[in-house]
């Protein structure tokens, strides 16, 4: 599972994969617990929770788990947003608090 921040949206009027029909696609950037970016490459993720730009989220980046969540065996699925992050605490210190940033 990956901690990530939603940094954009993807719009495609002609999705040809039935398992993706009607699902929102978001651009996510993996981050460290303090919010600094990890690695150079953002990912496109299928949104399953109603996330939006600026949200800190939990991402699964493994095809089999994604297909099981979507109940879509054989679908070309890899990266899914599966949860929101409210807080991150490291060593007794809160390094991210969604409520404090709102």
PDB file of N, CA and C in Angstrom:
ATOM      1  N   UNK A   1       0.841  -1.165   0.000  1.00  0.00           N
ATOM      2  CA  UNK A   1       0.000   0.000   0.000  1.00  0.00           C
ATOM      3  C   UNK A   1       0.893   1.236   0.000  1.00  0.00           C
ATOM      4  N   UNK A   2       0.441   2.279  -0.685  1.00  0.00           N
ATOM      5  CA  UNK A   2       1.230   3.493  -0.861  1.00  0.00           C
ATOM      6  C   UNK A   2       0.461   4.681  -0.301  1.00  0.00           C
ATOM      7  N   UNK A   3       1.180   5.572   0.365  1.00  0.00           N
ATOM      8  CA  UNK A   3       0.632   6.847   0.787  1.00  0.00           C
ATOM      9  C   UNK A   3       0.832   7.804  -0.376  1.00  0.00           C
ATOM     10  N   UNK A   4      -0.234   8.535  -0.773  1.00  0.00           N
ATOM     11  CA  UNK A   4      -0.127   9.404  -1.943  1.00  0.00           C
ATOM     12  C   UNK A   4      -0.992  10.639  -1.787  1.00  0.00           C
ATOM     13  N   UNK A   5      -0.724  11.623  -2.641  1.00  0.00           N
ATOM     14  CA  UNK A   5      -1.533  12.830  -2.700  1.00  0.00           C
ATOM     15  C   UNK A   5      -2.131  12.925  -4.097  1.00  0.00           C
ATOM     16  N   UNK A   6      -3.404  13.265  -4.177  1.00  0.00           N
ATOM     17  CA  UNK A   6      -4.060  13.428  -5.474  1.00  0.00           C
ATOM     18  C   UNK A   6      -3.644  14.787  -6.021  1.00  0.00           C
ATOM     19  N   UNK A   7      -3.047  14.778  -7.236  1.00  0.00           N
ATOM     20  CA  UNK A   7      -2.542  16.022  -7.816  1.00  0.00           C
ATOM     21  C   UNK A   7      -3.243  16.407  -9.112  1.00  0.00           C
ATOM     22  N   UNK A   8      -4.153  15.582  -9.606  1.00  0.00           N
ATOM     23  CA  UNK A   8      -4.833  15.927 -10.845  1.00  0.00           C
ATOM     24  C   UNK A   8      -5.886  14.916 -11.232  1.00  0.00           C
ATOM     25  N   UNK A   9      -6.575  15.208 -12.320  1.00  0.00           N
ATOM     26  CA  UNK A   9      -7.605  14.317 -12.836  1.00  0.00           C
ATOM     27  C   UNK A   9      -7.277  13.943 -14.275  1.00  0.00           C
ATOM     28  N   UNK A  10      -7.865  12.845 -14.725  1.00  0.00           N
ATOM     29  CA  UNK A  10      -7.703  12.392 -16.099  1.00  0.00           C
ATOM     30  C   UNK A  10      -9.100  12.281 -16.691  1.00  0.00           C
ATOM     31  N   UNK A  11      -9.286  12.877 -17.856  1.00  0.00           N
ATOM     32  CA  UNK A  11     -10.583  12.809 -18.523  1.00  0.00           C
ATOM     33  C   UNK A  11     -10.407  12.072 -19.832  1.00  0.00           C
ATOM     34  N   UNK A  12     -11.215  11.030 -20.019  1.00  0.00           N
ATOM     35  CA  UNK A  12     -11.173  10.260 -21.254  1.00  0.00           C
ATOM     36  C   UNK A  12     -12.607   9.957 -21.662  1.00  0.00           C
ATOM     37  N   UNK A  13     -13.079  10.561 -22.730  1.00  0.00           N
ATOM     38  CA  UNK A  13     -14.474  10.365 -23.118  1.00  0.00           C
ATOM     39  C   UNK A  13     -14.763   8.996 -23.727  1.00  0.00           C
ATOM     40  N   UNK A  14     -13.722   8.233 -24.032  1.00  0.00           N
ATOM     41  CA  UNK A  14     -13.961   6.962 -24.725  1.00  0.00           C
ATOM     42  C   UNK A  14     -13.224   5.804 -24.069  1.00  0.00           C
ATOM     43  N   UNK A  15     -13.508   5.537 -22.789  1.00  0.00           N
ATOM     44  CA  UNK A  15     -12.876   4.413 -22.110  1.00  0.00           C
ATOM     45  C   UNK A  15     -13.412   3.116 -22.722  1.00  0.00           C
ATOM     46  N   UNK A  16     -12.512   2.239 -23.145  1.00  0.00           N
ATOM     47  CA  UNK A  16     -12.904   1.021 -23.845  1.00  0.00           C
ATOM     48  C   UNK A  16     -12.882  -0.226 -22.964  1.00  0.00           C
ATOM     49  N   UNK A  17     -12.629  -0.053 -21.671  1.00  0.00           N
ATOM     50  CA  UNK A  17     -12.561  -1.185 -20.756  1.00  0.00           C
ATOM     51  C   UNK A  17     -13.807  -1.163 -19.873  1.00  0.00           C
ATOM     52  N   UNK A  18     -14.706  -2.138 -20.008  1.00  0.00           N
ATOM     53  CA  UNK A  18     -15.956  -2.113 -19.247  1.00  0.00           C
ATOM     54  C   UNK A  18     -15.768  -1.968 -17.737  1.00  0.00           C
ATOM     55  N   UNK A  19     -14.712  -2.544 -17.177  1.00  0.00           N
ATOM     56  CA  UNK A  19     -14.486  -2.459 -15.726  1.00  0.00           C
ATOM     57  C   UNK A  19     -14.225  -1.030 -15.270  1.00  0.00           C
ATOM     58  N   UNK A  20     -13.820  -0.154 -16.192  1.00  0.00           N
ATOM     59  CA  UNK A  20     -13.525   1.235 -15.847  1.00  0.00           C
ATOM     60  C   UNK A  20     -14.687   2.174 -16.131  1.00  0.00           C
ATOM     61  N   UNK A  21     -15.713   1.696 -16.787  1.00  0.00           N
ATOM     62  CA  UNK A  21     -16.838   2.540 -17.160  1.00  0.00           C
ATOM     63  C   UNK A  21     -17.426   3.277 -15.961  1.00  0.00           C
ATOM     64  N   UNK A  22     -17.534   4.593 -16.066  1.00  0.00           N
ATOM     65  CA  UNK A  22     -18.124   5.391 -15.009  1.00  0.00           C
ATOM     66  C   UNK A  22     -17.219   5.662 -13.825  1.00  0.00           C
ATOM     67  N   UNK A  23     -15.998   5.201 -13.850  1.00  0.00           N
ATOM     68  CA  UNK A  23     -15.083   5.416 -12.724  1.00  0.00           C
ATOM     69  C   UNK A  23     -14.181   6.607 -13.007  1.00  0.00           C
ATOM     70  N   UNK A  24     -13.912   7.380 -11.952  1.00  0.00           N
ATOM     71  CA  UNK A  24     -13.046   8.552 -12.054  1.00  0.00           C
ATOM     72  C   UNK A  24     -11.585   8.110 -12.012  1.00  0.00           C
ATOM     73  N   UNK A  25     -10.770   8.716 -12.866  1.00  0.00           N
ATOM     74  CA  UNK A  25      -9.336   8.458 -12.877  1.00  0.00           C
ATOM     75  C   UNK A  25      -8.632   9.688 -12.328  1.00  0.00           C
ATOM     76  N   UNK A  26      -7.712   9.473 -11.390  1.00  0.00           N
ATOM     77  CA  UNK A  26      -6.993  10.573 -10.748  1.00  0.00           C
ATOM     78  C   UNK A  26      -5.489  10.361 -10.862  1.00  0.00           C
ATOM     79  N   UNK A  27      -4.751  11.447 -10.920  1.00  0.00           N
ATOM     80  CA  UNK A  27      -3.295  11.381 -10.910  1.00  0.00           C
ATOM     81  C   UNK A  27      -2.851  11.483  -9.456  1.00  0.00           C
ATOM     82  N   UNK A  28      -2.073  10.492  -9.010  1.00  0.00           N
ATOM     83  CA  UNK A  28      -1.587  10.482  -7.628  1.00  0.00           C
ATOM     84  C   UNK A  28      -0.070  10.497  -7.621  1.00  0.00           C
ATOM     85  N   UNK A  29       0.482  11.181  -6.609  1.00  0.00           N
ATOM     86  CA  UNK A  29       1.932  11.264  -6.429  1.00  0.00           C
ATOM     87  C   UNK A  29       2.263  10.594  -5.109  1.00  0.00           C
ATOM     88  N   UNK A  30       3.065   9.521  -5.120  1.00  0.00           N
ATOM     89  CA  UNK A  30       3.480   8.916  -3.855  1.00  0.00           C
ATOM     90  C   UNK A  30       4.210   9.937  -2.990  1.00  0.00           C
ATOM     91  N   UNK A  31       3.928   9.909  -1.683  1.00  0.00           N
ATOM     92  CA  UNK A  31       4.551  10.845  -0.745  1.00  0.00           C
ATOM     93  C   UNK A  31       5.048  10.112   0.489  1.00  0.00           C
ATOM     94  N   UNK A  32       5.994  10.741   1.173  1.00  0.00           N
ATOM     95  CA  UNK A  32       6.440  10.272   2.482  1.00  0.00           C
ATOM     96  C   UNK A  32       5.383  10.699   3.500  1.00  0.00           C
ATOM     97  N   UNK A  33       5.446  10.187   4.705  1.00  0.00           N
ATOM     98  CA  UNK A  33       4.457  10.595   5.714  1.00  0.00           C
ATOM     99  C   UNK A  33       4.360  12.101   5.929  1.00  0.00           C
ATOM    100  N   UNK A  34       5.460  12.828   5.729  1.00  0.00           N
ATOM    101  CA  UNK A  34       5.417  14.286   5.933  1.00  0.00           C
ATOM    102  C   UNK A  34       4.921  15.040   4.699  1.00  0.00           C
ATOM    103  N   UNK A  35       4.630  14.319   3.620  1.00  0.00           N
ATOM    104  CA  UNK A  35       4.074  14.941   2.420  1.00  0.00           C
ATOM    105  C   UNK A  35       5.057  15.239   1.315  1.00  0.00           C
ATOM    106  N   UNK A  36       6.347  15.009   1.541  1.00  0.00           N
ATOM    107  CA  UNK A  36       7.320  15.239   0.471  1.00  0.00           C
ATOM    108  C   UNK A  36       7.218  14.119  -0.562  1.00  0.00           C
ATOM    109  N   UNK A  37       7.403  14.470  -1.819  1.00  0.00           N
ATOM    110  CA  UNK A  37       7.247  13.520  -2.913  1.00  0.00           C
ATOM    111  C   UNK A  37       8.288  12.410  -2.839  1.00  0.00           C
ATOM    112  N   UNK A  38       7.877  11.220  -3.289  1.00  0.00           N
ATOM    113  CA  UNK A  38       8.757  10.060  -3.373  1.00  0.00           C
ATOM    114  C   UNK A  38       8.832   9.645  -4.833  1.00  0.00           C
ATOM    115  N   UNK A  39      10.019   9.656  -5.388  1.00  0.00           N
ATOM    116  CA  UNK A  39      10.190   9.211  -6.760  1.00  0.00           C
ATOM    117  C   UNK A  39       9.690  10.222  -7.775  1.00  0.00           C
ATOM    118  N   UNK A  40      10.094  10.032  -9.015  1.00  0.00           N
ATOM    119  CA  UNK A  40       9.786  11.007 -10.047  1.00  0.00           C
ATOM    120  C   UNK A  40       8.448  10.795 -10.760  1.00  0.00           C
ATOM    121  N   UNK A  41       7.825   9.638 -10.596  1.00  0.00           N
ATOM    122  CA  UNK A  41       6.694   9.307 -11.454  1.00  0.00           C
ATOM    123  C   UNK A  41       5.350   9.282 -10.724  1.00  0.00           C
ATOM    124  N   UNK A  42       4.436  10.181 -11.098  1.00  0.00           N
ATOM    125  CA  UNK A  42       3.062  10.057 -10.613  1.00  0.00           C
ATOM    126  C   UNK A  42       2.408   8.848 -11.279  1.00  0.00           C
ATOM    127  N   UNK A  43       1.277   8.436 -10.755  1.00  0.00           N
ATOM    128  CA  UNK A  43       0.536   7.298 -11.298  1.00  0.00           C
ATOM    129  C   UNK A  43      -0.901   7.729 -11.574  1.00  0.00           C
ATOM    130  N   UNK A  44      -1.549   7.025 -12.476  1.00  0.00           N
ATOM    131  CA  UNK A  44      -2.983   7.216 -12.681  1.00  0.00           C
ATOM    132  C   UNK A  44      -3.678   6.116 -11.900  1.00  0.00           C
ATOM    133  N   UNK A  45      -4.627   6.513 -11.054  1.00  0.00           N
ATOM    134  CA  UNK A  45      -5.310   5.552 -10.187  1.00  0.00           C
ATOM    135  C   UNK A  45      -6.814   5.620 -10.398  1.00  0.00           C
ATOM    136  N   UNK A  46      -7.458   4.493 -10.251  1.00  0.00           N
ATOM    137  CA  UNK A  46      -8.917   4.424 -10.295  1.00  0.00           C
ATOM    138  C   UNK A  46      -9.431   4.794  -8.915  1.00  0.00           C
ATOM    139  N   UNK A  47     -10.332   5.752  -8.860  1.00  0.00           N
ATOM    140  CA  UNK A  47     -10.877   6.219  -7.585  1.00  0.00           C
ATOM    141  C   UNK A  47     -12.037   5.339  -7.159  1.00  0.00           C
ATOM    142  N   UNK A  48     -11.949   4.778  -5.950  1.00  0.00           N
ATOM    143  CA  UNK A  48     -13.053   3.962  -5.423  1.00  0.00           C
ATOM    144  C   UNK A  48     -13.687   4.600  -4.188  1.00  0.00           C
ATOM    145  N   UNK A  49     -13.205   5.794  -3.796  1.00  0.00           N
ATOM    146  CA  UNK A  49     -13.682   6.385  -2.534  1.00  0.00           C
ATOM    147  C   UNK A  49     -14.232   7.808  -2.676  1.00  0.00           C
ATOM    148  N   UNK A  50     -14.165   8.401  -3.862  1.00  0.00           N
ATOM    149  CA  UNK A  50     -14.639   9.771  -4.037  1.00  0.00           C
ATOM    150  C   UNK A  50     -13.609  10.825  -3.691  1.00  0.00           C
ATOM    151  N   UNK A  51     -12.355  10.539  -3.945  1.00  0.00           N
ATOM    152  CA  UNK A  51     -11.268  11.472  -3.633  1.00  0.00           C
ATOM    153  C   UNK A  51     -11.232  12.612  -4.646  1.00  0.00           C
ATOM    154  N   UNK A  52     -10.477  13.652  -4.292  1.00  0.00           N
ATOM    155  CA  UNK A  52     -10.312  14.792  -5.182  1.00  0.00           C
ATOM    156  C   UNK A  52      -8.927  15.384  -5.040  1.00  0.00           C
ATOM    157  N   UNK A  53      -8.622  16.338  -5.889  1.00  0.00           N
ATOM    158  CA  UNK A  53      -7.309  16.979  -5.886  1.00  0.00           C
ATOM    159  C   UNK A  53      -7.028  17.561  -4.504  1.00  0.00           C
ATOM    160  N   UNK A  54      -5.828  17.288  -3.995  1.00  0.00           N
ATOM    161  CA  UNK A  54      -5.406  17.770  -2.683  1.00  0.00           C
ATOM    162  C   UNK A  54      -5.595  16.765  -1.566  1.00  0.00           C
ATOM    163  N   UNK A  55      -6.367  15.705  -1.795  1.00  0.00           N
ATOM    164  CA  UNK A  55      -6.589  14.696  -0.749  1.00  0.00           C
ATOM    165  C   UNK A  55      -5.363  13.821  -0.573  1.00  0.00           C
ATOM    166  N   UNK A  56      -5.077  13.437   0.660  1.00  0.00           N
ATOM    167  CA  UNK A  56      -4.058  12.426   0.975  1.00  0.00           C
ATOM    168  C   UNK A  56      -4.795  11.099   1.023  1.00  0.00           C
ATOM    169  N   UNK A  57      -4.296  10.101   0.300  1.00  0.00           N
ATOM    170  CA  UNK A  57      -5.023   8.840   0.131  1.00  0.00           C
ATOM    171  C   UNK A  57      -4.108   7.629   0.294  1.00  0.00           C
ATOM    172  N   UNK A  58      -4.756   6.477   0.475  1.00  0.00           N
ATOM    173  CA  UNK A  58      -4.065   5.194   0.457  1.00  0.00           C
ATOM    174  C   UNK A  58      -4.304   4.563  -0.909  1.00  0.00           C
ATOM    175  N   UNK A  59      -3.242   4.049  -1.498  1.00  0.00           N
ATOM    176  CA  UNK A  59      -3.303   3.517  -2.855  1.00  0.00           C
ATOM    177  C   UNK A  59      -2.787   2.087  -2.853  1.00  0.00           C
ATOM    178  N   UNK A  60      -3.501   1.226  -3.556  1.00  0.00           N
ATOM    179  CA  UNK A  60      -3.007  -0.126  -3.829  1.00  0.00           C
ATOM    180  C   UNK A  60      -2.427  -0.090  -5.235  1.00  0.00           C
ATOM    181  N   UNK A  61      -1.222  -0.590  -5.403  1.00  0.00           N
ATOM    182  CA  UNK A  61      -0.541  -0.561  -6.696  1.00  0.00           C
ATOM    183  C   UNK A  61      -0.149  -1.976  -7.093  1.00  0.00           C
ATOM    184  N   UNK A  62      -1.141  -2.845  -7.129  1.00  0.00           N
ATOM    185  CA  UNK A  62      -0.909  -4.254  -7.429  1.00  0.00           C
ATOM    186  C   UNK A  62      -2.152  -4.788  -8.136  1.00  0.00           C
ATOM    187  N   UNK A  63      -1.982  -5.282  -9.328  1.00  0.00           N
ATOM    188  CA  UNK A  63      -3.100  -5.658 -10.183  1.00  0.00           C
ATOM    189  C   UNK A  63      -4.092  -6.640  -9.611  1.00  0.00           C
ATOM    190  N   UNK A  64      -3.630  -7.730  -9.011  1.00  0.00           N
ATOM    191  CA  UNK A  64      -4.551  -8.742  -8.515  1.00  0.00           C
ATOM    192  C   UNK A  64      -5.471  -8.172  -7.436  1.00  0.00           C
ATOM    193  N   UNK A  65      -4.914  -7.401  -6.502  1.00  0.00           N
ATOM    194  CA  UNK A  65      -5.733  -6.791  -5.457  1.00  0.00           C
ATOM    195  C   UNK A  65      -6.752  -5.840  -6.073  1.00  0.00           C
ATOM    196  N   UNK A  66      -6.330  -5.059  -7.058  1.00  0.00           N
ATOM    197  CA  UNK A  66      -7.235  -4.132  -7.726  1.00  0.00           C
ATOM    198  C   UNK A  66      -8.383  -4.837  -8.421  1.00  0.00           C
ATOM    199  N   UNK A  67      -8.085  -5.926  -9.119  1.00  0.00           N
ATOM    200  CA  UNK A  67      -9.133  -6.677  -9.802  1.00  0.00           C
ATOM    201  C   UNK A  67     -10.105  -7.285  -8.805  1.00  0.00           C
ATOM    202  N   UNK A  68      -9.602  -7.742  -7.656  1.00  0.00           N
ATOM    203  CA  UNK A  68     -10.486  -8.297  -6.642  1.00  0.00           C
ATOM    204  C   UNK A  68     -11.408  -7.224  -6.062  1.00  0.00           C
ATOM    205  N   UNK A  69     -10.871  -6.046  -5.782  1.00  0.00           N
ATOM    206  CA  UNK A  69     -11.683  -4.959  -5.233  1.00  0.00           C
ATOM    207  C   UNK A  69     -12.779  -4.555  -6.213  1.00  0.00           C
ATOM    208  N   UNK A  70     -12.440  -4.454  -7.482  1.00  0.00           N
ATOM    209  CA  UNK A  70     -13.417  -4.066  -8.499  1.00  0.00           C
ATOM    210  C   UNK A  70     -14.293  -5.222  -8.950  1.00  0.00           C
ATOM    211  N   UNK A  71     -13.973  -6.427  -8.487  1.00  0.00           N
ATOM    212  CA  UNK A  71     -14.670  -7.638  -8.920  1.00  0.00           C
ATOM    213  C   UNK A  71     -14.675  -7.725 -10.444  1.00  0.00           C
ATOM    214  N   UNK A  72     -13.478  -7.566 -10.999  1.00  0.00           N
ATOM    215  CA  UNK A  72     -13.312  -7.554 -12.447  1.00  0.00           C
ATOM    216  C   UNK A  72     -12.141  -8.425 -12.852  1.00  0.00           C
ATOM    217  N   UNK A  73     -12.298  -9.764 -12.767  1.00  0.00           N
ATOM    218  CA  UNK A  73     -11.194 -10.648 -13.140  1.00  0.00           C
ATOM    219  C   UNK A  73     -10.775 -10.416 -14.594  1.00  0.00           C
ATOM    220  N   UNK A  74      -9.493 -10.346 -14.818  1.00  0.00           N
ATOM    221  CA  UNK A  74      -8.979 -10.176 -16.165  1.00  0.00           C
ATOM    222  C   UNK A  74      -8.919  -8.733 -16.651  1.00  0.00           C
ATOM    223  N   UNK A  75      -9.454  -7.788 -15.881  1.00  0.00           N
ATOM    224  CA  UNK A  75      -9.411  -6.383 -16.300  1.00  0.00           C
ATOM    225  C   UNK A  75      -7.981  -5.843 -16.182  1.00  0.00           C
ATOM    226  N   UNK A  76      -7.592  -4.935 -17.079  1.00  0.00           N
ATOM    227  CA  UNK A  76      -6.247  -4.353 -17.015  1.00  0.00           C
ATOM    228  C   UNK A  76      -6.186  -3.257 -15.946  1.00  0.00           C
ATOM    229  N   UNK A  77      -6.150  -3.696 -14.701  1.00  0.00           N
ATOM    230  CA  UNK A  77      -6.223  -2.787 -13.554  1.00  0.00           C
ATOM    231  C   UNK A  77      -4.967  -2.955 -12.732  1.00  0.00           C
ATOM    232  N   UNK A  78      -4.396  -1.839 -12.260  1.00  0.00           N
ATOM    233  CA  UNK A  78      -3.235  -1.939 -11.388  1.00  0.00           C
ATOM    234  C   UNK A  78      -3.347  -1.045 -10.160  1.00  0.00           C
ATOM    235  N   UNK A  79      -3.672   0.229 -10.327  1.00  0.00           N
ATOM    236  CA  UNK A  79      -3.574   1.192  -9.241  1.00  0.00           C
ATOM    237  C   UNK A  79      -4.956   1.712  -8.860  1.00  0.00           C
ATOM    238  N   UNK A  80      -5.318   1.547  -7.568  1.00  0.00           N
ATOM    239  CA  UNK A  80      -6.612   1.996  -7.065  1.00  0.00           C
ATOM    240  C   UNK A  80      -6.444   2.829  -5.809  1.00  0.00           C
ATOM    241  N   UNK A  81      -7.258   3.867  -5.693  1.00  0.00           N
ATOM    242  CA  UNK A  81      -7.351   4.615  -4.438  1.00  0.00           C
ATOM    243  C   UNK A  81      -8.377   3.880  -3.588  1.00  0.00           C
ATOM    244  N   UNK A  82      -7.968   3.486  -2.368  1.00  0.00           N
ATOM    245  CA  UNK A  82      -8.848   2.673  -1.532  1.00  0.00           C
ATOM    246  C   UNK A  82      -9.207   3.309  -0.195  1.00  0.00           C
ATOM    247  N   UNK A  83      -8.649   4.475   0.115  1.00  0.00           N
ATOM    248  CA  UNK A  83      -8.994   5.103   1.384  1.00  0.00           C
ATOM    249  C   UNK A  83      -8.444   6.507   1.499  1.00  0.00           C
ATOM    250  N   UNK A  84      -9.067   7.272   2.393  1.00  0.00           N
ATOM    251  CA  UNK A  84      -8.594   8.618   2.734  1.00  0.00           C
ATOM    252  C   UNK A  84      -7.676   8.523   3.946  1.00  0.00           C
ATOM    253  N   UNK A  85      -6.759   9.475   4.079  1.00  0.00           N
ATOM    254  CA  UNK A  85      -5.880   9.552   5.247  1.00  0.00           C
ATOM    255  C   UNK A  85      -6.286  10.779   6.050  1.00  0.00           C
ATOM    256  N   UNK A  86      -6.635  10.570   7.322  1.00  0.00           N
ATOM    257  CA  UNK A  86      -6.983  11.679   8.204  1.00  0.00           C
ATOM    258  C   UNK A  86      -5.765  12.205   8.946  1.00  0.00           C
ATOM    259  N   UNK A  87      -4.922  11.277   9.440  1.00  0.00           N
ATOM    260  CA  UNK A  87      -3.735  11.654  10.207  1.00  0.00           C
ATOM    261  C   UNK A  87      -2.606  10.678   9.932  1.00  0.00           C
ATOM    262  N   UNK A  88      -1.379  11.175  10.079  1.00  0.00           N
ATOM    263  CA  UNK A  88      -0.194  10.322  10.056  1.00  0.00           C
ATOM    264  C   UNK A  88       0.637  10.705  11.269  1.00  0.00           C
ATOM    265  N   UNK A  89       1.018   9.701  12.035  1.00  0.00           N
ATOM    266  CA  UNK A  89       1.831   9.931  13.229  1.00  0.00           C
ATOM    267  C   UNK A  89       3.090   9.081  13.135  1.00  0.00           C
ATOM    268  N   UNK A  90       4.235   9.698  13.409  1.00  0.00           N
ATOM    269  CA  UNK A  90       5.519   8.996  13.418  1.00  0.00           C
ATOM    270  C   UNK A  90       6.235   9.287  14.717  1.00  0.00           C
ATOM    271  N   UNK A  91       6.611   8.261  15.439  1.00  0.00           N
ATOM    272  CA  UNK A  91       7.359   8.435  16.683  1.00  0.00           C
ATOM    273  C   UNK A  91       6.670   9.336  17.692  1.00  0.00           C
ATOM    274  N   UNK A  92       5.349   9.259  17.736  1.00  0.00           N
ATOM    275  CA  UNK A  92       4.597  10.063  18.685  1.00  0.00           C
ATOM    276  C   UNK A  92       4.328  11.489  18.231  1.00  0.00           C
ATOM    277  N   UNK A  93       4.791  11.842  17.035  1.00  0.00           N
ATOM    278  CA  UNK A  93       4.578  13.195  16.504  1.00  0.00           C
ATOM    279  C   UNK A  93       3.640  13.139  15.302  1.00  0.00           C
ATOM    280  N   UNK A  94       2.619  13.974  15.314  1.00  0.00           N
ATOM    281  CA  UNK A  94       1.685  14.046  14.192  1.00  0.00           C
ATOM    282  C   UNK A  94       2.353  14.840  13.069  1.00  0.00           C
ATOM    283  N   UNK A  95       2.581  14.155  11.939  1.00  0.00           N
ATOM    284  CA  UNK A  95       3.245  14.815  10.814  1.00  0.00           C
ATOM    285  C   UNK A  95       2.262  15.216   9.716  1.00  0.00           C
ATOM    286  N   UNK A  96       1.021  14.731   9.809  1.00  0.00           N
ATOM    287  CA  UNK A  96      -0.028  15.125   8.874  1.00  0.00           C
ATOM    288  C   UNK A  96      -1.358  15.047   9.596  1.00  0.00           C
ATOM    289  N   UNK A  97      -2.155  16.093   9.463  1.00  0.00           N
ATOM    290  CA  UNK A  97      -3.491  16.133  10.074  1.00  0.00           C
ATOM    291  C   UNK A  97      -4.419  16.835   9.093  1.00  0.00           C
ATOM    292  N   UNK A  98      -5.268  16.058   8.442  1.00  0.00           N
ATOM    293  CA  UNK A  98      -6.182  16.612   7.456  1.00  0.00           C
ATOM    294  C   UNK A  98      -7.075  17.699   8.052  1.00  0.00           C
ATOM    295  N   UNK A  99      -7.530  17.481   9.276  1.00  0.00           N
ATOM    296  CA  UNK A  99      -8.395  18.462   9.936  1.00  0.00           C
ATOM    297  C   UNK A  99      -7.719  19.792  10.175  1.00  0.00           C
ATOM    298  N   UNK A 100      -6.435  19.780  10.438  1.00  0.00           N
ATOM    299  CA  UNK A 100      -5.701  21.016  10.697  1.00  0.00           C
ATOM    300  C   UNK A 100      -5.459  21.808   9.424  1.00  0.00           C
ATOM    301  N   UNK A 101      -5.449  21.105   8.271  1.00  0.00           N
ATOM    302  CA  UNK A 101      -5.182  21.776   7.005  1.00  0.00           C
ATOM    303  C   UNK A 101      -6.442  22.282   6.337  1.00  0.00           C
ATOM    304  N   UNK A 102      -7.604  21.849   6.810  1.00  0.00           N
ATOM    305  CA  UNK A 102      -8.866  22.232   6.149  1.00  0.00           C
ATOM    306  C   UNK A 102      -9.227  23.673   6.447  1.00  0.00           C
TER     307      UNK A 102
END
